[in-house]
C-alpha atoms as a PDB file:
ATOM      1  CA  UNK A   1     101.506 100.776 105.188  1.00  0.00           C
ATOM      2  CA  UNK A   2     100.975  99.488 101.675  1.00  0.00           C
ATOM      3  CA  UNK A   3      99.210 101.689  99.454  1.00  0.00           C
ATOM      4  CA  UNK A   4      96.073 100.544  97.412  1.00  0.00           C
ATOM      5  CA  UNK A   5      97.700 100.065  94.217  1.00  0.00           C
ATOM      6  CA  UNK A   6     100.231  97.450  96.060  1.00  0.00           C
ATOM      7  CA  UNK A   7      97.346  95.557  97.306  1.00  0.00           C
ATOM      8  CA  UNK A   8      95.609  95.695  94.022  1.00  0.00           C
ATOM      9  CA  UNK A   9      98.622  94.008  92.461  1.00  0.00           C
ATOM     10  CA  UNK A  10      98.982  91.256  95.296  1.00  0.00           C
ATOM     11  CA  UNK A  11      95.558  90.221  94.830  1.00  0.00           C
ATOM     12  CA  UNK A  12      96.043  90.034  91.009  1.00  0.00           C
ATOM     13  CA  UNK A  13      98.975  87.798  91.314  1.00  0.00           C
ATOM     14  CA  UNK A  14      97.089  85.579  93.805  1.00  0.00           C
ATOM     15  CA  UNK A  15      94.198  85.374  91.487  1.00  0.00           C
ATOM     16  CA  UNK A  16      96.506  84.452  88.144  1.00  0.00           C
ATOM     17  CA  UNK A  17      97.936  81.604  90.271  1.00  0.00           C
ATOM     18  CA  UNK A  18      95.623  80.091  92.504  1.00  0.00           C
ATOM     19  CA  UNK A  19      92.012  80.479  90.605  1.00  0.00           C
ATOM     20  CA  UNK A  20      90.641  77.256  89.320  1.00  0.00           C
ATOM     21  CA  UNK A  21      93.122  75.414  91.109  1.00  0.00           C
ATOM     22  CA  UNK A  22      92.384  72.905  94.306  1.00  0.00           C
ATOM     23  CA  UNK A  23      93.999  73.333  97.483  1.00  0.00           C
ATOM     24  CA  UNK A  24      96.189  70.362  98.265  1.00  0.00           C
ATOM     25  CA  UNK A  25      96.852  71.758 102.094  1.00  0.00           C
ATOM     26  CA  UNK A  26      96.052  74.593 103.818  1.00  0.00           C
ATOM     27  CA  UNK A  27      98.157  76.081 106.777  1.00  0.00           C
ATOM     28  CA  UNK A  28      96.553  78.517 108.917  1.00  0.00           C
ATOM     29  CA  UNK A  29      98.928  79.768 111.618  1.00  0.00           C
ATOM     30  CA  UNK A  30      96.819  82.117 113.709  1.00  0.00           C
ATOM     31  CA  UNK A  31      94.957  80.511 116.628  1.00  0.00           C
ATOM     32  CA  UNK A  32      91.441  81.014 115.664  1.00  0.00           C
ATOM     33  CA  UNK A  33      91.773  79.020 112.474  1.00  0.00           C
ATOM     34  CA  UNK A  34      94.789  76.507 113.363  1.00  0.00           C
ATOM     35  CA  UNK A  35      92.784  73.700 113.121  1.00  0.00           C
ATOM     36  CA  UNK A  36      91.043  74.678 109.808  1.00  0.00           C
ATOM     37  CA  UNK A  37      91.388  72.329 106.875  1.00  0.00           C
ATOM     38  CA  UNK A  38      90.200  73.574 103.487  1.00  0.00           C
ATOM     39  CA  UNK A  39      92.363  71.171 101.230  1.00  0.00           C
ATOM     40  CA  UNK A  40      90.181  69.708  98.404  1.00  0.00           C
ATOM     41  CA  UNK A  41      88.250  72.905  97.960  1.00  0.00           C
ATOM     42  CA  UNK A  42      88.873  75.240  94.606  1.00  0.00           C
ATOM     43  CA  UNK A  43      90.168  78.712  94.660  1.00  0.00           C
ATOM     44  CA  UNK A  44      87.245  80.687  93.194  1.00  0.00           C
ATOM     45  CA  UNK A  45      88.957  84.004  92.881  1.00  0.00           C
ATOM     46  CA  UNK A  46      90.685  86.735  94.830  1.00  0.00           C
ATOM     47  CA  UNK A  47      90.082  90.438  94.574  1.00  0.00           C
ATOM     48  CA  UNK A  48      91.439  93.578  96.207  1.00  0.00           C
ATOM     49  CA  UNK A  49      88.547  95.797  98.253  1.00  0.00           C
ATOM     50  CA  UNK A  50      90.433  98.938  99.215  1.00  0.00           C
ATOM     51  CA  UNK A  51      93.519  97.688 101.139  1.00  0.00           C
ATOM     52  CA  UNK A  52      91.757  94.221 102.125  1.00  0.00           C
ATOM     53  CA  UNK A  53      92.158  91.160 100.047  1.00  0.00           C
ATOM     54  CA  UNK A  54      89.340  88.569  99.902  1.00  0.00           C
ATOM     55  CA  UNK A  55      90.128  84.933  98.474  1.00  0.00           C
ATOM     56  CA  UNK A  56      87.136  82.909  97.895  1.00  0.00           C
ATOM     57  CA  UNK A  57      87.549  79.254  98.637  1.00  0.00           C
ATOM     58  CA  UNK A  58      84.848  76.690  97.515  1.00  0.00           C
ATOM     59  CA  UNK A  59      81.256  77.291  97.748  1.00  0.00           C
ATOM     60  CA  UNK A  60      81.265  79.069 101.278  1.00  0.00           C
ATOM     61  CA  UNK A  61      84.481  80.388 102.512  1.00  0.00           C
ATOM     62  CA  UNK A  62      86.409  83.339 102.039  1.00  0.00           C
ATOM     63  CA  UNK A  63      89.966  84.259 103.377  1.00  0.00           C
ATOM     64  CA  UNK A  64      89.997  87.841 104.801  1.00  0.00           C
ATOM     65  CA  UNK A  65      93.488  89.285 104.552  1.00  0.00           C
ATOM     66  CA  UNK A  66      95.125  92.758 105.546  1.00  0.00           C
ATOM     67  CA  UNK A  67      98.658  93.827 105.122  1.00  0.00           C
ATOM     68  CA  UNK A  68      98.750  96.074 107.464  1.00  0.00           C
ATOM     69  CA  UNK A  69     102.244  97.813 108.116  1.00  0.00           C
ATOM     70  CA  UNK A  70     104.555  94.988 107.510  1.00  0.00           C
ATOM     71  CA  UNK A  71     102.669  92.334 105.661  1.00  0.00           C
ATOM     72  CA  UNK A  72     102.874  91.001 102.247  1.00  0.00           C
ATOM     73  CA  UNK A  73     101.904  87.737  99.792  1.00  0.00           C
ATOM     74  CA  UNK A  74     104.383  85.724  98.005  1.00  0.00           C
ATOM     75  CA  UNK A  75     104.218  82.848  95.505  1.00  0.00           C
ATOM     76  CA  UNK A  76     106.405  80.165  95.456  1.00  0.00           C
ATOM     77  CA  UNK A  77     107.071  77.158  93.584  1.00  0.00           C
ATOM     78  CA  UNK A  78     106.799  73.909  95.994  1.00  0.00           C
ATOM     79  CA  UNK A  79     110.574  73.485  96.056  1.00  0.00           C
ATOM     80  CA  UNK A  80     111.616  77.626  96.246  1.00  0.00           C
ATOM     81  CA  UNK A  81     113.387  78.833  99.429  1.00  0.00           C
ATOM     82  CA  UNK A  82     111.324  81.430 101.363  1.00  0.00           C
ATOM     83  CA  UNK A  83     112.367  85.226 100.936  1.00  0.00           C
ATOM     84  CA  UNK A  84     111.074  86.060 104.369  1.00  0.00           C
ATOM     85  CA  UNK A  85     111.447  83.736 107.963  1.00  0.00           C
ATOM     86  CA  UNK A  86     108.658  80.829 108.263  1.00  0.00           C
ATOM     87  CA  UNK A  87     107.876  82.255 111.523  1.00  0.00           C
ATOM     88  CA  UNK A  88     106.405  85.559 110.101  1.00  0.00           C
ATOM     89  CA  UNK A  89     103.792  83.292 107.708  1.00  0.00           C
ATOM     90  CA  UNK A  90     100.402  83.566 109.171  1.00  0.00           C
ATOM     91  CA  UNK A  91      98.784  81.514 106.488  1.00  0.00           C
ATOM     92  CA  UNK A  92      99.967  78.965 103.663  1.00  0.00           C
ATOM     93  CA  UNK A  93      97.980  77.988 100.757  1.00  0.00           C
ATOM     94  CA  UNK A  94      99.138  74.686  98.833  1.00  0.00           C
ATOM     95  CA  UNK A  95      98.486  73.545  95.168  1.00  0.00           C
ATOM     96  CA  UNK A  96     100.242  71.320  92.925  1.00  0.00           C
ATOM     97  CA  UNK A  97     102.122  74.403  91.074  1.00  0.00           C
ATOM     98  CA  UNK A  98     102.189  77.161  93.734  1.00  0.00           C
ATOM     99  CA  UNK A  99     102.408  78.067  97.353  1.00  0.00           C
ATOM    100  CA  UNK A 100     100.731  81.092  98.401  1.00  0.00           C
ATOM    101  CA  UNK A 101     102.519  82.564 101.680  1.00  0.00           C
ATOM    102  CA  UNK A 102     100.780  85.536 103.640  1.00  0.00           C
ATOM    103  CA  UNK A 103     103.806  86.785 105.645  1.00  0.00           C
ATOM    104  CA  UNK A 104     103.008  89.429 108.751  1.00  0.00           C
ATOM    105  CA  UNK A 105      99.569  89.929 107.725  1.00  0.00           C
ATOM    106  CA  UNK A 106      97.781  92.273 110.055  1.00  0.00           C
ATOM    107  CA  UNK A 107      94.320  90.164 109.464  1.00  0.00           C
ATOM    108  CA  UNK A 108      94.051  86.635 108.791  1.00  0.00           C
ATOM    109  CA  UNK A 109      90.691  85.340 108.898  1.00  0.00           C
ATOM    110  CA  UNK A 110      88.439  82.932 107.535  1.00  0.00           C
ATOM    111  CA  UNK A 111      84.670  84.139 107.169  1.00  0.00           C
ATOM    112  CA  UNK A 112      81.459  82.803 105.589  1.00  0.00           C
ATOM    113  CA  UNK A 113      81.028  83.868 102.098  1.00  0.00           C
ATOM    114  CA  UNK A 114      77.765  85.940 102.830  1.00  0.00           C
ATOM    115  CA  UNK A 115      79.724  87.887 105.860  1.00  0.00           C
ATOM    116  CA  UNK A 116      82.064  89.589 103.199  1.00  0.00           C
ATOM    117  CA  UNK A 117      80.217  92.959 103.835  1.00  0.00           C
ATOM    118  CA  UNK A 118      80.773  92.774 107.621  1.00  0.00           C
ATOM    119  CA  UNK A 119      84.600  92.418 106.789  1.00  0.00           C
ATOM    120  CA  UNK A 120      84.373  95.427 104.019  1.00  0.00           C
ATOM    121  CA  UNK A 121      81.275  97.064 103.773  1.00  0.00           C
ATOM    122  CA  UNK A 122      82.429  99.953 105.751  1.00  0.00           C
ATOM    123  CA  UNK A 123      84.837 101.293 102.907  1.00  0.00           C
ATOM    124  CA  UNK A 124      84.245 103.934 100.708  1.00  0.00           C
ATOM    125  CA  UNK A 125      84.375 103.881  97.160  1.00  0.00           C
ATOM    126  CA  UNK A 126      87.378 101.788  95.882  1.00  0.00           C
ATOM    127  CA  UNK A 127      89.615 103.972  93.715  1.00  0.00           C
ATOM    128  CA  UNK A 128      90.931 100.922  91.746  1.00  0.00           C
ATOM    129  CA  UNK A 129      87.549  98.935  92.243  1.00  0.00           C
ATOM    130  CA  UNK A 130      84.321  98.584  89.706  1.00  0.00           C
ATOM    131  CA  UNK A 131      82.430 100.279  92.288  1.00  0.00           C
ATOM    132  CA  UNK A 132      84.766 103.553  92.118  1.00  0.00           C
ATOM    133  CA  UNK A 133      82.070 106.409  92.485  1.00  0.00           C
ATOM    134  CA  UNK A 134      83.760 110.052  92.206  1.00  0.00           C
ATOM    135  CA  UNK A 135      80.649 111.722  93.418  1.00  0.00           C
ATOM    136  CA  UNK A 136      80.085 109.661  96.444  1.00  0.00           C
ATOM    137  CA  UNK A 137      83.617 109.770  97.488  1.00  0.00           C
ATOM    138  CA  UNK A 138      83.386 113.731  97.318  1.00  0.00           C
ATOM    139  CA  UNK A 139      80.004 113.293  99.248  1.00  0.00           C
ATOM    140  CA  UNK A 140      81.859 111.482 102.072  1.00  0.00           C
ATOM    141  CA  UNK A 141      84.716 113.934 102.208  1.00  0.00           C
ATOM    142  CA  UNK A 142      82.671 116.883 102.385  1.00  0.00           C
ATOM    143  CA  UNK A 143      80.704 115.466 105.303  1.00  0.00           C
ATOM    144  CA  UNK A 144      83.204 116.942 107.395  1.00  0.00           C
ATOM    145  CA  UNK A 145      84.611 120.059 105.877  1.00  0.00           C
ATOM    146  CA  UNK A 146      86.490 121.124 109.054  1.00  0.00           C
ATOM    147  CA  UNK A 147      88.764 117.672 108.992  1.00  0.00           C
ATOM    148  CA  UNK A 148      92.306 118.075 107.753  1.00  0.00           C
ATOM    149  CA  UNK A 149      92.552 117.157 104.152  1.00  0.00           C
ATOM    150  CA  UNK A 150      95.578 114.499 105.064  1.00  0.00           C
ATOM    151  CA  UNK A 151      93.248 112.670 107.801  1.00  0.00           C
ATOM    152  CA  UNK A 152      90.315 112.504 105.322  1.00  0.00           C
ATOM    153  CA  UNK A 153      92.029 111.079 102.688  1.00  0.00           C
ATOM    154  CA  UNK A 154      93.549 108.444 104.809  1.00  0.00           C
ATOM    155  CA  UNK A 155      90.164 107.369 106.132  1.00  0.00           C
ATOM    156  CA  UNK A 156      89.198 104.526 104.084  1.00  0.00           C
ATOM    157  CA  UNK A 157      85.571 105.220 104.978  1.00  0.00           C
ATOM    158  CA  UNK A 158      85.752 108.221 102.640  1.00  0.00           C
ATOM    159  CA  UNK A 159      87.443 106.357  99.698  1.00  0.00           C
ATOM    160  CA  UNK A 160      89.460 103.124  99.749  1.00  0.00           C
ATOM    161  CA  UNK A 161      93.076 102.614  98.423  1.00  0.00           C
ATOM    162  CA  UNK A 162      95.332 106.006  99.628  1.00  0.00           C
ATOM    163  CA  UNK A 163      97.822 105.460 102.440  1.00  0.00           C
ATOM    164  CA  UNK A 164     100.584 107.711 103.788  1.00  0.00           C
ATOM    165  CA  UNK A 165     102.744 108.094 100.777  1.00  0.00           C
ATOM    166  CA  UNK A 166      99.932 108.933  98.470  1.00  0.00           C
ATOM    167  CA  UNK A 167      98.183 111.316 100.819  1.00  0.00           C
ATOM    168  CA  UNK A 168     101.348 113.277 101.052  1.00  0.00           C
ATOM    169  CA  UNK A 169     102.078 113.517  97.633  1.00  0.00           C
ATOM    170  CA  UNK A 170      98.447 114.417  96.497  1.00  0.00           C
ATOM    171  CA  UNK A 171      98.614 117.319  99.118  1.00  0.00           C
ATOM    172  CA  UNK A 172     101.904 118.288  97.429  1.00  0.00           C
ATOM    173  CA  UNK A 173     100.540 118.154  93.709  1.00  0.00           C
ATOM    174  CA  UNK A 174      97.340 119.959  95.008  1.00  0.00           C
ATOM    175  CA  UNK A 175      99.380 122.901  96.863  1.00  0.00           C
ATOM    176  CA  UNK A 176      97.834 122.360 100.161  1.00  0.00           C
ATOM    177  CA  UNK A 177      99.151 121.205 103.656  1.00  0.00           C
ATOM    178  CA  UNK A 178      98.048 117.864 104.930  1.00  0.00           C
ATOM    179  CA  UNK A 179      96.581 119.502 107.898  1.00  0.00           C
ATOM    180  CA  UNK A 180      94.742 122.273 105.945  1.00  0.00           C
ATOM    181  CA  UNK A 181      90.922 121.831 106.402  1.00  0.00           C
ATOM    182  CA  UNK A 182      88.702 120.131 103.510  1.00  0.00           C
ATOM    183  CA  UNK A 183      86.905 123.449 103.167  1.00  0.00           C
ATOM    184  CA  UNK A 184      90.098 125.039 102.077  1.00  0.00           C
ATOM    185  CA  UNK A 185      91.266 122.905  99.672  1.00  0.00           C
ATOM    186  CA  UNK A 186      90.778 124.659  96.255  1.00  0.00           C
ATOM    187  CA  UNK A 187      89.507 121.814  93.989  1.00  0.00           C
ATOM    188  CA  UNK A 188      88.833 118.750  95.803  1.00  0.00           C
ATOM    189  CA  UNK A 189      87.317 117.048  92.883  1.00  0.00           C
ATOM    190  CA  UNK A 190      90.737 117.327  91.125  1.00  0.00           C
ATOM    191  CA  UNK A 191      92.479 116.220  94.088  1.00  0.00           C
ATOM    192  CA  UNK A 192      89.883 112.999  93.697  1.00  0.00           C
ATOM    193  CA  UNK A 193      90.528 112.427  90.353  1.00  0.00           C
ATOM    194  CA  UNK A 194      94.266 112.741  90.423  1.00  0.00           C
ATOM    195  CA  UNK A 195      94.272 110.041  93.097  1.00  0.00           C
ATOM    196  CA  UNK A 196      92.642 107.637  90.864  1.00  0.00           C
ATOM    197  CA  UNK A 197      95.095 108.431  87.991  1.00  0.00           C
ATOM    198  CA  UNK A 198      98.129 107.891  90.097  1.00  0.00           C
ATOM    199  CA  UNK A 199      96.975 104.470  91.299  1.00  0.00           C
ATOM    200  CA  UNK A 200      95.778 103.477  88.000  1.00  0.00           C
ATOM    201  CA  UNK A 201      99.212 104.552  86.621  1.00  0.00           C
ATOM    202  CA  UNK A 202     101.059 102.532  89.102  1.00  0.00           C
ATOM    203  CA  UNK A 203      99.313  99.431  89.846  1.00  0.00           C
ATOM    204  CA  UNK A 204     100.864  97.430  87.469  1.00  0.00           C
ATOM    205  CA  UNK A 205     104.129  98.082  88.364  1.00  0.00           C
ATOM    206  CA  UNK A 206     106.663  97.810  91.632  1.00  0.00           C
ATOM    207  CA  UNK A 207     108.176 100.989  91.511  1.00  0.00           C
ATOM    208  CA  UNK A 208     106.052 103.904  92.191  1.00  0.00           C
ATOM    209  CA  UNK A 209     106.024 107.444  91.268  1.00  0.00           C
ATOM    210  CA  UNK A 210     104.077 110.504  91.325  1.00  0.00           C
ATOM    211  CA  UNK A 211     106.621 112.703  89.284  1.00  0.00           C
ATOM    212  CA  UNK A 212     106.500 110.777  86.598  1.00  0.00           C
ATOM    213  CA  UNK A 213     110.353 109.829  86.864  1.00  0.00           C
ATOM    214  CA  UNK A 214     111.235 106.363  87.859  1.00  0.00           C
ATOM    215  CA  UNK A 215     115.038 107.395  88.507  1.00  0.00           C
ATOM    216  CA  UNK A 216     116.043 106.748  91.766  1.00  0.00           C
ATOM    217  CA  UNK A 217     115.331 109.647  94.109  1.00  0.00           C
ATOM    218  CA  UNK A 218     113.374 111.421  91.741  1.00  0.00           C
ATOM    219  CA  UNK A 219     110.211 109.307  91.777  1.00  0.00           C
ATOM    220  CA  UNK A 220     108.312 111.367  94.806  1.00  0.00           C
ATOM    221  CA  UNK A 221     107.721 114.945  95.428  1.00  0.00           C
ATOM    222  CA  UNK A 222     107.996 114.896  99.115  1.00  0.00           C
ATOM    223  CA  UNK A 223     107.204 111.603 100.976  1.00  0.00           C
ATOM    224  CA  UNK A 224     110.091 110.280 103.446  1.00  0.00           C
ATOM    225  CA  UNK A 225     112.388 113.116 101.799  1.00  0.00           C
ATOM    226  CA  UNK A 226     112.375 115.244 105.042  1.00  0.00           C
ATOM    227  CA  UNK A 227     115.249 117.884 104.692  1.00  0.00           C
ATOM    228  CA  UNK A 228     115.991 117.022 101.030  1.00  0.00           C
ATOM    229  CA  UNK A 229     115.107 119.917  98.803  1.00  0.00           C
ATOM    230  CA  UNK A 230     112.086 119.980  96.890  1.00  0.00           C
ATOM    231  CA  UNK A 231     112.315 119.082  93.404  1.00  0.00           C
ATOM    232  CA  UNK A 232     110.165 122.160  92.440  1.00  0.00           C
ATOM    233  CA  UNK A 233     111.506 125.243  94.505  1.00  0.00           C
ATOM    234  CA  UNK A 234     114.570 124.048  96.237  1.00  0.00           C
ATOM    235  CA  UNK A 235     113.345 124.554  99.794  1.00  0.00           C
ATOM    236  CA  UNK A 236     114.265 121.823 102.267  1.00  0.00           C
ATOM    237  CA  UNK A 237     110.878 119.529 102.852  1.00  0.00           C
ATOM    238  CA  UNK A 238     109.809 119.411 106.205  1.00  0.00           C
ATOM    239  CA  UNK A 239     107.955 116.677 108.113  1.00  0.00           C
ATOM    240  CA  UNK A 240     105.446 116.468 110.834  1.00  0.00           C
ATOM    241  CA  UNK A 241     102.798 114.489 112.620  1.00  0.00           C
ATOM    242  CA  UNK A 242      99.413 114.434 111.521  1.00  0.00           C
ATOM    243  CA  UNK A 243      96.531 113.047 113.684  1.00  0.00           C
ATOM    244  CA  UNK A 244      96.290 112.115 117.199  1.00  0.00           C
ATOM    245  CA  UNK A 245      98.336 109.216 119.127  1.00  0.00           C
ATOM    246  CA  UNK A 246      97.931 106.288 118.440  1.00  0.00           C
ATOM    247  CA  UNK A 247      96.902 106.703 115.012  1.00  0.00           C
ATOM    248  CA  UNK A 248      98.938 109.712 114.103  1.00  0.00           C
ATOM    249  CA  UNK A 249     101.160 109.800 111.018  1.00  0.00           C
ATOM    250  CA  UNK A 250     104.326 111.256 109.637  1.00  0.00           C
ATOM    251  CA  UNK A 251     104.009 113.397 106.544  1.00  0.00           C
ATOM    252  CA  UNK A 252     105.947 115.737 104.609  1.00  0.00           C
ATOM    253  CA  UNK A 253     105.291 118.867 102.868  1.00  0.00           C
ATOM    254  CA  UNK A 254     107.154 121.904 101.161  1.00  0.00           C
ATOM    255  CA  UNK A 255     106.685 125.036 103.093  1.00  0.00           C
ATOM    256  CA  UNK A 256     106.819 127.149  99.824  1.00  0.00           C
ATOM    257  CA  UNK A 257     104.991 124.895  97.496  1.00  0.00           C
ATOM    258  CA  UNK A 258     102.265 124.301  99.953  1.00  0.00           C
ATOM    259  CA  UNK A 259     101.721 127.530 101.891  1.00  0.00           C
ATOM    260  CA  UNK A 260      99.351 127.150 104.976  1.00  0.00           C
ATOM    261  CA  UNK A 261      95.597 128.370 103.856  1.00  0.00           C
ATOM    262  CA  UNK A 262      96.026 131.569 105.784  1.00  0.00           C
ATOM    263  CA  UNK A 263      99.076 132.346 103.757  1.00  0.00           C
ATOM    264  CA  UNK A 264      99.596 133.762 100.060  1.00  0.00           C
ATOM    265  CA  UNK A 265     101.525 132.219  97.300  1.00  0.00           C
ATOM    266  CA  UNK A 266     104.840 134.315  96.444  1.00  0.00           C
END
């Protein structure tokens, strides 16, 4: 699933291309909105809220989308070929200069402007949003001290924007296993601050890094590096499932750099 910085960047590009322009045609390729026509209305703006994107159209409508696992937004000039198959498109917004195409979106719905809170009001403080509140995020995380830190970081109701990749990387940087309970995390505030730092550092670029190294194979500490040597100690990275089906996730960790809470560091 795309991380919060990827969603933020998608919303920024949509905002730059569409805001202030009048829609010449709209094509909603989901049954509930297949007959809806918002042509003739201006795009007021697009913003990210955690992993959700809100595109405000005219005075009353908001297009609410979520990329989920496979989704993406593309911008094309009217005569440019699409880079993904047309059958994957869920919504196409036309202006005189741009086509904005949402492919394989997990959520595509048009809601009333005053219903935005119903769609995203459950989210915790947004790591890349104007509402970021470190203390509130820590309060929400601390409400269940026995919960595994990996699950808590992925819960968008605690703080919005951390996905599976950043969860694994943040746990490595903090030296804790993803399954470690929250109350055994040595410095949770520092971990939350690092989450904001890495998303801020990566939000303007496509290539993400948590190591500070953009070279291929060196960008990440542990994520998707199962059985490869740890960059820090050389031990083979391990992988395991976190959570319970159907919401379980694969995660990655170094058995030396991330000892279990009952273990002592060498």
